[in-house]
Structures are given as C-alpha cells and as structure tokens.
Amino acid sequence: MAAEKVFPMTLAGKQKLEQELEQLKTVKRKEVVERIKIARSFGDLSENSEYDSAKEEQAFVEGRITTIENMIRNAKIIKEDEASVDEVSLGCTVTFVELPDGEEESYSIVGSAEADPFEGKISNDSPIAKSLLGKKVGDQVTVQTPGGEMAVKITSIK
C-alpha cells in the first residue's frame, strides 16, 4: 500500500481547514439534504434538473469533506518560528527582485493546503517555490513559470 501524502501546513492553516470542515459538516451538508428533499417533491426525478444539481452539490460537499479530513489527518505542522532564515524553506517569507527591471515581490512558502497567491502565500509545490527552496540571500535564481523563465535575486528571508 502506498504511503499517505503528508500535507505540510502552519497551525493557522490547519485551524482554517478544521473550521471549513466543521462548516461543511454542520451547515452545508444540511442545506444540500434540504435541497434534495425539496427537489424530490417536484415529482419525476428523471427530468428534474434541481434534483440533479442538488445531488451534484452533495457529491462535491462529501468529496471536499473527505479531502479535508485526509489533509488534517496527514498534516505536518510547520512552526513558522523554527523556519530557517539562512536559506529559503517551508514556512518562511522570501523577498526577491526580478532581474533586470527590479520589481520586488514577497511570498510566504506554505504547504499546498493553504496556498493563496492573492494573499502572497505560494505552495511549496509551485514552480517559483521549487526554484527558491534551499537558496540564500543574494543568490540569483532562474525560475520556470508558465510564462517562461524569470531571473530573480533573493533580497531577504524572514
């Protein structure tokens, strides 16, 4: 049997998942069951798009619950205060300058479970993070992105 995938995440990320799981189990699940019950009352299920839609949503909710439970069960908590500031690692925030134009960007490197690029949190599985992991302040790195290669220089690690 294959080993379970480990999901690295911060304590805050795990708590956020636990809150989502609780909301799905206590609120969303009941809402979907009620939608199915109402849709059934409309009669013939073979041509009932509301019933089909509710059943699809139920499948999505149950799938998400299973996924979150698995992520929580296999969570590996990253202590942000233990993250190395000597080199880029999981749990740290790295700032770099794009070369040659000098546009500065900062990202926190987190596990895939809590990645949110719009909040400056990128997954350790992302191309940018993979290129930066293990590098030090002052290192120049070529990052593979969907838009092509990008050269960056690391200016700080926190």
C-alpha atoms as a PDB file:
ATOM      1  CA  MET A   1       0.000   0.000   0.000  1.00  0.00           C
ATOM      2  CA  ALA A   2       1.301   3.441  -0.894  1.00  0.00           C
ATOM      3  CA  ALA A   3       2.279   5.834   1.868  1.00  0.00           C
ATOM      4  CA  GLU A   4      -0.180   8.615   2.639  1.00  0.00           C
ATOM      5  CA  LYS A   5       0.770  12.032   1.294  1.00  0.00           C
ATOM      6  CA  VAL A   6       1.916  14.429   4.007  1.00  0.00           C
ATOM      7  CA  PHE A   7       0.392  17.907   3.927  1.00  0.00           C
ATOM      8  CA  PRO A   8       2.768  20.498   5.374  1.00  0.00           C
ATOM      9  CA  MET A   9       0.892  23.474   6.838  1.00  0.00           C
ATOM     10  CA  THR A  10       1.041  26.078   9.536  1.00  0.00           C
ATOM     11  CA  LEU A  11      -1.059  25.753  12.673  1.00  0.00           C
ATOM     12  CA  ALA A  12      -3.265  28.600  11.376  1.00  0.00           C
ATOM     13  CA  GLY A  13      -3.731  26.741   8.090  1.00  0.00           C
ATOM     14  CA  LYS A  14      -4.800  23.588   9.925  1.00  0.00           C
ATOM     15  CA  GLN A  15      -7.248  25.565  12.062  1.00  0.00           C
ATOM     16  CA  LYS A  16      -8.718  27.146   8.924  1.00  0.00           C
ATOM     17  CA  LEU A  17      -9.248  23.669   7.425  1.00  0.00           C
ATOM     18  CA  GLU A  18     -10.847  22.464  10.659  1.00  0.00           C
ATOM     19  CA  GLN A  19     -13.265  25.418  10.555  1.00  0.00           C
ATOM     20  CA  GLU A  20     -14.143  24.693   6.920  1.00  0.00           C
ATOM     21  CA  LEU A  21     -14.710  21.021   7.761  1.00  0.00           C
ATOM     22  CA  GLU A  22     -16.994  21.927  10.658  1.00  0.00           C
ATOM     23  CA  GLN A  23     -18.987  24.314   8.438  1.00  0.00           C
ATOM     24  CA  LEU A  24     -19.337  21.699   5.704  1.00  0.00           C
ATOM     25  CA  LYS A  25     -20.493  19.013   8.140  1.00  0.00           C
ATOM     26  CA  THR A  26     -22.870  21.097  10.228  1.00  0.00           C
ATOM     27  CA  VAL A  27     -24.278  23.669   7.791  1.00  0.00           C
ATOM     28  CA  LYS A  28     -23.626  22.842   4.151  1.00  0.00           C
ATOM     29  CA  ARG A  29     -24.499  19.152   4.419  1.00  0.00           C
ATOM     30  CA  LYS A  30     -27.906  20.006   5.946  1.00  0.00           C
ATOM     31  CA  GLU A  31     -28.572  22.659   3.285  1.00  0.00           C
ATOM     32  CA  VAL A  32     -27.882  20.169   0.484  1.00  0.00           C
ATOM     33  CA  VAL A  33     -30.072  17.475   2.068  1.00  0.00           C
ATOM     34  CA  GLU A  34     -32.893  20.030   2.308  1.00  0.00           C
ATOM     35  CA  ARG A  35     -32.413  20.981  -1.375  1.00  0.00           C
ATOM     36  CA  ILE A  36     -32.648  17.314  -2.352  1.00  0.00           C
ATOM     37  CA  LYS A  37     -35.792  16.877  -0.271  1.00  0.00           C
ATOM     38  CA  ILE A  38     -37.446  19.907  -1.926  1.00  0.00           C
ATOM     39  CA  ALA A  39     -36.370  18.795  -5.413  1.00  0.00           C
ATOM     40  CA  ARG A  40     -37.838  15.319  -4.813  1.00  0.00           C
ATOM     41  CA  SER A  41     -41.190  16.887  -4.033  1.00  0.00           C
ATOM     42  CA  PHE A  42     -41.319  18.260  -7.594  1.00  0.00           C
ATOM     43  CA  GLY A  43     -42.047  14.782  -8.909  1.00  0.00           C
ATOM     44  CA  ASP A  44     -40.383  12.850 -11.747  1.00  0.00           C
ATOM     45  CA  LEU A  45     -36.662  12.641 -10.878  1.00  0.00           C
ATOM     46  CA  SER A  46     -35.614  11.616 -14.396  1.00  0.00           C
ATOM     47  CA  GLU A  47     -36.260  15.126 -15.732  1.00  0.00           C
ATOM     48  CA  ASN A  48     -35.660  17.104 -12.546  1.00  0.00           C
ATOM     49  CA  SER A  49     -32.680  19.419 -13.039  1.00  0.00           C
ATOM     50  CA  GLU A  50     -32.941  20.797  -9.492  1.00  0.00           C
ATOM     51  CA  TYR A  51     -32.609  17.278  -8.097  1.00  0.00           C
ATOM     52  CA  ASP A  52     -29.616  16.568 -10.358  1.00  0.00           C
ATOM     53  CA  SER A  53     -27.979  19.844  -9.327  1.00  0.00           C
ATOM     54  CA  ALA A  54     -28.538  19.141  -5.624  1.00  0.00           C
ATOM     55  CA  LYS A  55     -27.106  15.612  -5.970  1.00  0.00           C
ATOM     56  CA  GLU A  56     -24.021  17.021  -7.747  1.00  0.00           C
ATOM     57  CA  GLU A  57     -23.544  19.552  -4.962  1.00  0.00           C
ATOM     58  CA  GLN A  58     -23.924  16.771  -2.391  1.00  0.00           C
ATOM     59  CA  ALA A  59     -21.210  14.764  -4.149  1.00  0.00           C
ATOM     60  CA  PHE A  60     -18.936  17.828  -4.183  1.00  0.00           C
ATOM     61  CA  VAL A  61     -19.526  18.550  -0.474  1.00  0.00           C
ATOM     62  CA  GLU A  62     -18.902  14.919   0.528  1.00  0.00           C
ATOM     63  CA  GLY A  63     -15.752  14.826  -1.614  1.00  0.00           C
ATOM     64  CA  ARG A  64     -14.465  18.031  -0.033  1.00  0.00           C
ATOM     65  CA  ILE A  65     -15.172  16.672   3.462  1.00  0.00           C
ATOM     66  CA  THR A  66     -13.176  13.519   2.659  1.00  0.00           C
ATOM     67  CA  THR A  67     -10.312  15.587   1.219  1.00  0.00           C
ATOM     68  CA  ILE A  68     -10.130  17.911   4.221  1.00  0.00           C
ATOM     69  CA  GLU A  69     -10.295  15.015   6.693  1.00  0.00           C
ATOM     70  CA  ASN A  70      -7.382  13.375   4.861  1.00  0.00           C
ATOM     71  CA  MET A  71      -5.388  16.622   4.870  1.00  0.00           C
ATOM     72  CA  ILE A  72      -5.954  17.146   8.595  1.00  0.00           C
ATOM     73  CA  ARG A  73      -5.150  13.501   9.405  1.00  0.00           C
ATOM     74  CA  ASN A  74      -1.868  13.725   7.456  1.00  0.00           C
ATOM     75  CA  ALA A  75      -0.948  17.291   8.418  1.00  0.00           C
ATOM     76  CA  LYS A  76       2.637  18.088   9.313  1.00  0.00           C
ATOM     77  CA  ILE A  77       2.651  21.339  11.254  1.00  0.00           C
ATOM     78  CA  ILE A  78       5.366  23.794  10.253  1.00  0.00           C
ATOM     79  CA  LYS A  79       6.428  26.009  13.105  1.00  0.00           C
ATOM     80  CA  GLU A  80       6.988  29.384  11.490  1.00  0.00           C
ATOM     81  CA  ASP A  81       9.353  30.496  14.256  1.00  0.00           C
ATOM     82  CA  GLU A  82      11.570  27.466  13.542  1.00  0.00           C
ATOM     83  CA  ALA A  83      11.865  28.199   9.812  1.00  0.00           C
ATOM     84  CA  SER A  84      15.443  28.883   8.811  1.00  0.00           C
ATOM     85  CA  VAL A  85      16.290  32.433   7.794  1.00  0.00           C
ATOM     86  CA  ASP A  86      19.633  31.313   6.372  1.00  0.00           C
ATOM     87  CA  GLU A  87      18.013  29.693   3.366  1.00  0.00           C
ATOM     88  CA  VAL A  88      14.581  29.580   1.769  1.00  0.00           C
ATOM     89  CA  SER A  89      12.475  26.876   3.395  1.00  0.00           C
ATOM     90  CA  LEU A  90       8.890  25.936   4.043  1.00  0.00           C
ATOM     91  CA  GLY A  91       7.264  28.427   6.411  1.00  0.00           C
ATOM     92  CA  CYS A  92       9.474  31.399   5.568  1.00  0.00           C
ATOM     93  CA  THR A  93       8.720  34.581   3.660  1.00  0.00           C
ATOM     94  CA  VAL A  94      11.127  35.300   0.832  1.00  0.00           C
ATOM     95  CA  THR A  95      11.556  38.637  -0.921  1.00  0.00           C
ATOM     96  CA  PHE A  96      13.213  38.812  -4.302  1.00  0.00           C
ATOM     97  CA  VAL A  97      13.820  41.316  -7.075  1.00  0.00           C
ATOM     98  CA  GLU A  98      13.040  40.459 -10.661  1.00  0.00           C
ATOM     99  CA  LEU A  99      16.042  40.967 -12.918  1.00  0.00           C
ATOM    100  CA  PRO A 100      16.742  43.197 -14.747  1.00  0.00           C
ATOM    101  CA  ASP A 101      13.837  45.616 -14.052  1.00  0.00           C
ATOM    102  CA  GLY A 102      13.992  45.373 -10.265  1.00  0.00           C
ATOM    103  CA  GLU A 103      10.326  44.700  -9.455  1.00  0.00           C
ATOM    104  CA  GLU A 104      10.245  43.414  -5.865  1.00  0.00           C
ATOM    105  CA  GLU A 105       7.925  40.606  -4.733  1.00  0.00           C
ATOM    106  CA  SER A 106       7.434  38.763  -1.426  1.00  0.00           C
ATOM    107  CA  TYR A 107       5.846  35.365  -0.872  1.00  0.00           C
ATOM    108  CA  SER A 108       5.342  33.100   2.108  1.00  0.00           C
ATOM    109  CA  ILE A 109       6.079  29.494   1.209  1.00  0.00           C
ATOM    110  CA  VAL A 110       3.397  27.242   2.656  1.00  0.00           C
ATOM    111  CA  GLY A 111       2.003  23.777   2.045  1.00  0.00           C
ATOM    112  CA  SER A 112      -0.417  23.248  -0.825  1.00  0.00           C
ATOM    113  CA  ALA A 113      -3.351  23.066   1.611  1.00  0.00           C
ATOM    114  CA  GLU A 114      -3.125  26.749   2.478  1.00  0.00           C
ATOM    115  CA  ALA A 115      -1.658  28.280  -0.666  1.00  0.00           C
ATOM    116  CA  ASP A 116      -3.333  31.524  -1.756  1.00  0.00           C
ATOM    117  CA  PRO A 117      -1.295  33.557  -4.265  1.00  0.00           C
ATOM    118  CA  PHE A 118      -3.600  36.559  -3.867  1.00  0.00           C
ATOM    119  CA  GLU A 119      -2.573  36.706  -0.192  1.00  0.00           C
ATOM    120  CA  GLY A 120       1.099  36.179  -1.030  1.00  0.00           C
ATOM    121  CA  LYS A 121       1.126  32.507   0.024  1.00  0.00           C
ATOM    122  CA  ILE A 122       2.532  30.104  -2.536  1.00  0.00           C
ATOM    123  CA  SER A 123       2.638  26.318  -2.386  1.00  0.00           C
ATOM    124  CA  ASN A 124       5.950  24.584  -1.845  1.00  0.00           C
ATOM    125  CA  ASP A 125       4.970  22.582  -4.961  1.00  0.00           C
ATOM    126  CA  SER A 126       4.728  25.700  -7.162  1.00  0.00           C
ATOM    127  CA  PRO A 127       7.438  26.371  -9.775  1.00  0.00           C
ATOM    128  CA  ILE A 128       8.562  29.574  -8.018  1.00  0.00           C
ATOM    129  CA  ALA A 129       8.872  27.919  -4.597  1.00  0.00           C
ATOM    130  CA  LYS A 130      10.641  24.856  -6.017  1.00  0.00           C
ATOM    131  CA  SER A 131      13.207  27.147  -7.634  1.00  0.00           C
ATOM    132  CA  LEU A 132      13.752  29.172  -4.448  1.00  0.00           C
ATOM    133  CA  LEU A 133      13.857  26.401  -1.820  1.00  0.00           C
ATOM    134  CA  GLY A 134      17.343  25.929  -0.399  1.00  0.00           C
ATOM    135  CA  LYS A 135      18.686  29.204  -1.811  1.00  0.00           C
ATOM    136  CA  LYS A 136      20.240  32.016   0.263  1.00  0.00           C
ATOM    137  CA  VAL A 137      20.063  35.823   0.372  1.00  0.00           C
ATOM    138  CA  GLY A 138      21.997  37.242  -2.598  1.00  0.00           C
ATOM    139  CA  ASP A 139      21.521  34.138  -4.769  1.00  0.00           C
ATOM    140  CA  GLN A 140      20.382  34.679  -8.338  1.00  0.00           C
ATOM    141  CA  VAL A 141      17.840  32.085  -9.403  1.00  0.00           C
ATOM    142  CA  THR A 142      16.172  31.240 -12.701  1.00  0.00           C
ATOM    143  CA  VAL A 143      12.528  30.481 -12.066  1.00  0.00           C
ATOM    144  CA  GLN A 144      10.463  28.447 -14.519  1.00  0.00           C
ATOM    145  CA  THR A 145       6.968  29.952 -14.827  1.00  0.00           C
ATOM    146  CA  PRO A 146       4.096  29.215 -17.183  1.00  0.00           C
ATOM    147  CA  GLY A 147       5.010  32.443 -18.965  1.00  0.00           C
ATOM    148  CA  GLY A 148       8.648  31.436 -19.411  1.00  0.00           C
ATOM    149  CA  GLU A 149      11.851  31.852 -17.435  1.00  0.00           C
ATOM    150  CA  MET A 150      12.285  34.675 -14.944  1.00  0.00           C
ATOM    151  CA  ALA A 151      15.564  35.646 -13.308  1.00  0.00           C
ATOM    152  CA  VAL A 152      15.388  36.814  -9.690  1.00  0.00           C
ATOM    153  CA  LYS A 153      17.772  37.812  -6.913  1.00  0.00           C
ATOM    154  CA  ILE A 154      16.827  36.952  -3.320  1.00  0.00           C
ATOM    155  CA  THR A 155      16.991  40.062  -1.115  1.00  0.00           C
ATOM    156  CA  SER A 156      15.634  38.773   2.218  1.00  0.00           C
ATOM    157  CA  ILE A 157      14.336  35.725   4.051  1.00  0.00           C
ATOM    158  CA  LYS A 158      12.132  36.047   7.143  1.00  0.00           C
END
